[in-house]
Amino acid sequence: MTPATIIEQVRRLIQDEVSPFRYSDTMLLGFVNQVLKRMAMVRPDLFIDSGNIPTTQDSAYQTLPSNGAVLVEIFGVAGGAAIEEVDRDLLNRTDPNWINATSGTPKKYVRNTRNRRSFFLYPRPQFGVQLVAEYSVVPSDYTINQTILQPSQEFFPAIVDGTVFLAEAIDNEHVDTGRAKLFLDSFTSALGISGQARVLTDREDGGSNA
């Protein structure tokens, strides 16, 4: 799957297959890249990667690499033991000074529910600690013939629908007839985001305080 194959299908649906085109390849490529970024925002689980991530020495507060990544799961210390996910309120009650505890090998981590690109470690990591983790990465812009690595091929129709929506959303005729919204509805339905879908990067309880 490449942007070129997506654009080919989009042109059929918007009846723009004869040169000179109403929409240039450059414009449609921009729409494809926008759709992929929107998908990464609402379905980060479709863009999961894994590997070792470095930590900031002597700091309880940690951030993921600056590539738009959001945390999915931390499994453990690279070359060491597993790390347990805990609730921040519980940790505050059991050890109010945890954020300033002596540095060592982290045994617990806490999600930052207000910023999915950051998290907390307890105890604070000593020098050289790396974590084994899963994270979701917002894709960089693709060129027209570049292979799209994520999401998988099964989401080809959804990407097409999303691209058609963006193209026709700037066309007054199709906005007025509701044609653009038909493709938007198809796009959101294919992603399962029409309702209040649980974000898979939340805690196991889905972020609920109940």
Protein backbone atom coordinates (compact mmCIF):
# COMPACT_ATOMS: atom_id res chain seq x y z
CA MET A 1 0.00 0.00 0.00
CA THR A 2 1.38 3.38 -1.07
CA PRO A 3 -0.12 6.87 -1.29
CA ALA A 4 -0.14 6.39 -5.07
CA THR A 5 -2.46 3.35 -4.86
CA ILE A 6 -4.72 5.23 -2.44
CA ILE A 7 -4.83 8.29 -4.69
CA GLU A 8 -5.69 6.10 -7.70
CA GLN A 9 -8.78 4.78 -5.88
CA VAL A 10 -9.67 8.23 -4.56
CA ARG A 11 -9.65 9.65 -8.10
CA ARG A 12 -12.16 6.99 -9.18
CA LEU A 13 -14.50 7.90 -6.32
CA ILE A 14 -14.31 11.66 -6.85
CA GLN A 15 -14.45 11.24 -10.66
CA ASP A 16 -11.17 13.01 -11.24
CA GLU A 17 -9.33 10.59 -13.55
CA VAL A 18 -8.90 12.79 -16.64
CA SER A 19 -6.10 15.35 -16.95
CA PRO A 20 -6.09 18.23 -16.19
CA PHE A 21 -7.10 17.04 -12.73
CA ARG A 22 -9.21 19.08 -10.33
CA TYR A 23 -6.97 17.88 -7.51
CA SER A 24 -3.22 17.58 -8.06
CA ASP A 25 -1.28 14.55 -6.82
CA THR A 26 0.49 16.88 -4.41
CA MET A 27 -2.80 18.01 -2.88
CA LEU A 28 -4.16 14.45 -2.57
CA LEU A 29 -0.87 13.25 -1.10
CA GLY A 30 -1.24 15.94 1.55
CA PHE A 31 -4.74 14.65 2.31
CA VAL A 32 -3.44 11.05 2.62
CA ASN A 33 -0.81 12.17 5.14
CA GLN A 34 -3.43 14.15 7.07
CA VAL A 35 -5.67 11.08 7.26
CA LEU A 36 -2.84 8.91 8.60
CA LYS A 37 -2.06 11.47 11.31
CA ARG A 38 -5.74 11.72 12.27
CA MET A 39 -5.90 7.93 12.48
CA ALA A 40 -2.87 7.91 14.78
CA MET A 41 -4.62 10.39 17.09
CA VAL A 42 -7.85 8.42 17.45
CA ARG A 43 -6.48 4.88 17.03
CA PRO A 44 -2.90 4.91 18.38
CA ASP A 45 -3.06 1.12 18.67
CA LEU A 46 -2.78 0.91 14.86
CA PHE A 47 0.65 2.56 14.95
CA ILE A 48 2.39 0.59 17.69
CA ASP A 49 6.14 0.10 17.79
CA SER A 50 8.37 -1.37 20.50
CA GLY A 51 11.94 -1.18 21.68
CA ASN A 52 14.27 0.16 24.33
CA ILE A 53 13.79 3.76 25.43
CA PRO A 54 16.34 5.76 27.44
CA THR A 55 15.51 7.43 30.75
CA THR A 56 16.54 10.72 32.30
CA GLN A 57 18.81 10.07 35.27
CA ASP A 58 17.55 11.06 38.75
CA SER A 59 14.15 12.24 37.50
CA ALA A 60 10.81 10.69 38.38
CA TYR A 61 9.23 12.49 35.41
CA GLN A 62 10.08 10.89 32.07
CA THR A 63 9.20 11.67 28.45
CA LEU A 64 9.15 9.51 25.35
CA PRO A 65 11.36 10.32 22.34
CA SER A 66 10.28 13.50 20.53
CA ASN A 67 8.71 11.81 17.50
CA GLY A 68 5.08 12.15 18.50
CA ALA A 69 5.11 8.87 20.42
CA VAL A 70 2.50 8.09 23.06
CA LEU A 71 2.92 5.41 25.70
CA VAL A 72 1.17 2.07 25.35
CA GLU A 73 2.97 -0.16 27.87
CA ILE A 74 6.21 -0.47 29.81
CA PHE A 75 7.28 -4.08 30.29
CA GLY A 76 10.43 -3.75 32.34
CA VAL A 77 14.02 -2.61 32.61
CA ALA A 78 16.20 -3.65 29.69
CA GLY A 79 18.26 -6.59 30.91
CA GLY A 80 16.44 -6.54 34.24
CA ALA A 81 13.13 -7.19 35.96
CA ALA A 82 9.57 -6.35 35.02
CA ILE A 83 8.02 -3.03 36.06
CA GLU A 84 4.60 -2.84 37.67
CA GLU A 85 2.06 -0.22 36.62
CA VAL A 86 0.49 1.51 39.63
CA ASP A 87 -2.06 4.22 40.25
CA ARG A 88 -0.61 7.63 41.10
CA ASP A 89 -3.13 8.35 43.87
CA LEU A 90 -2.30 5.05 45.56
CA LEU A 91 1.41 5.79 45.38
CA ASN A 92 0.84 9.28 46.80
CA ARG A 93 -1.03 7.80 49.76
CA THR A 94 1.43 4.99 50.52
CA ASP A 95 4.62 7.01 49.99
CA PRO A 96 4.04 10.77 49.70
CA ASN A 97 7.75 11.39 49.10
CA TRP A 98 8.07 8.81 46.30
CA ILE A 99 8.89 11.43 43.68
CA ASN A 100 12.10 12.30 45.55
CA ALA A 101 13.10 8.77 46.55
CA THR A 102 16.73 7.71 46.19
CA SER A 103 17.62 6.80 42.61
CA GLY A 104 17.97 3.16 41.67
CA THR A 105 16.38 0.59 39.39
CA PRO A 106 12.72 1.49 38.72
CA LYS A 107 10.18 -1.04 39.96
CA LYS A 108 6.95 0.83 39.24
CA TYR A 109 5.64 3.26 36.65
CA VAL A 110 2.70 5.65 36.60
CA ARG A 111 0.93 6.99 33.52
CA ASN A 112 0.47 10.72 33.15
CA THR A 113 -3.21 10.82 32.28
CA ARG A 114 -2.95 14.44 31.10
CA ASN A 115 -0.01 13.83 28.77
CA ARG A 116 0.31 10.42 27.13
CA ARG A 117 3.84 11.25 25.98
CA SER A 118 5.15 11.26 29.53
CA PHE A 119 5.12 9.01 32.61
CA PHE A 120 6.65 8.63 36.08
CA LEU A 121 9.13 6.08 37.44
CA TYR A 122 9.61 4.89 41.01
CA PRO A 123 12.26 4.89 42.22
CA ARG A 124 13.95 7.49 40.04
CA PRO A 125 16.27 5.80 37.51
CA GLN A 126 19.98 5.78 38.05
CA PHE A 127 22.41 6.45 35.19
CA GLY A 128 22.09 4.27 32.09
CA VAL A 129 18.67 2.71 32.78
CA GLN A 130 16.71 1.79 29.66
CA LEU A 131 13.15 0.52 29.51
CA VAL A 132 11.52 -2.08 27.29
CA ALA A 133 8.28 -0.52 26.09
CA GLU A 134 5.54 -0.32 23.50
CA TYR A 135 4.55 3.06 22.15
CA SER A 136 2.49 4.51 19.34
CA VAL A 137 4.23 6.81 16.87
CA VAL A 138 2.56 9.45 14.70
CA PRO A 139 3.74 8.72 11.13
CA SER A 140 5.98 11.13 9.26
CA ASP A 141 4.83 12.41 5.87
CA TYR A 142 5.07 9.78 3.14
CA THR A 143 6.19 10.42 -0.43
CA ILE A 144 3.81 9.32 -3.15
CA ASN A 145 5.46 5.96 -3.93
CA GLN A 146 6.66 5.13 -0.43
CA THR A 147 5.29 1.99 1.23
CA ILE A 148 2.98 2.79 4.15
CA LEU A 149 4.17 0.68 7.07
CA GLN A 150 1.25 1.29 9.43
CA PRO A 151 -1.65 0.75 9.62
CA SER A 152 -1.97 -2.61 7.88
CA GLN A 153 -3.42 -3.20 4.40
CA GLU A 154 -6.87 -3.97 5.82
CA PHE A 155 -7.31 -0.25 6.56
CA PHE A 156 -6.83 0.70 2.89
CA PRO A 157 -10.58 1.39 2.42
CA ALA A 158 -10.67 3.57 5.54
CA ILE A 159 -7.72 5.66 4.34
CA VAL A 160 -9.40 6.04 0.95
CA ASP A 161 -12.67 7.15 2.59
CA GLY A 162 -10.86 9.65 4.81
CA THR A 163 -8.98 11.09 1.84
CA VAL A 164 -12.17 11.40 -0.22
CA PHE A 165 -13.81 13.21 2.69
CA LEU A 166 -11.01 15.79 2.88
CA ALA A 167 -11.11 16.30 -0.89
CA GLU A 168 -14.85 16.72 -1.05
CA ALA A 169 -15.07 18.77 2.14
CA ILE A 170 -13.52 21.66 0.22
CA ASP A 171 -16.00 21.24 -2.63
CA ASN A 172 -19.15 23.24 -1.87
CA GLU A 173 -21.28 21.05 -4.13
CA HIS A 174 -20.44 17.84 -2.27
CA VAL A 175 -20.68 19.49 1.14
CA ASP A 176 -24.16 20.73 0.30
CA THR A 177 -25.31 17.30 -0.92
CA GLY A 178 -23.90 15.52 2.14
CA ARG A 179 -21.61 13.35 0.00
CA ALA A 180 -18.55 14.40 1.99
CA LYS A 181 -20.24 13.36 5.25
CA LEU A 182 -21.03 9.92 3.82
CA PHE A 183 -17.32 9.25 3.44
CA LEU A 184 -16.56 10.72 6.85
CA ASP A 185 -19.13 8.40 8.42
CA SER A 186 -17.64 5.43 6.58
CA PHE A 187 -14.15 6.43 7.75
CA THR A 188 -15.12 6.74 11.42
CA SER A 189 -17.18 3.53 11.30
CA ALA A 190 -14.24 1.57 9.87
CA LEU A 191 -12.04 2.80 12.69
CA GLY A 192 -14.64 2.09 15.37
CA ILE A 193 -14.59 5.67 16.66
CA SER A 194 -18.21 6.61 16.10
CA GLY A 195 -18.95 5.94 19.77
CA GLN A 196 -16.88 6.52 22.87
CA ALA A 197 -14.23 3.95 22.03
CA ARG A 198 -11.73 3.23 24.78
CA VAL A 199 -8.27 4.58 24.09
CA LEU A 200 -5.96 1.60 24.28
CA THR A 201 -3.14 3.64 25.77
CA ASP A 202 -5.17 4.22 28.93
CA ARG A 203 -4.73 2.21 32.12
CA GLU A 204 -6.28 -1.24 32.34
CA ASP A 205 -9.41 0.32 33.86
CA GLY A 206 -9.72 2.60 30.83
CA GLY A 207 -8.87 5.65 32.93
CA SER A 208 -12.05 5.30 34.97
CA ASN A 209 -12.08 6.45 38.57
CA ALA A 210 -15.08 4.30 39.38
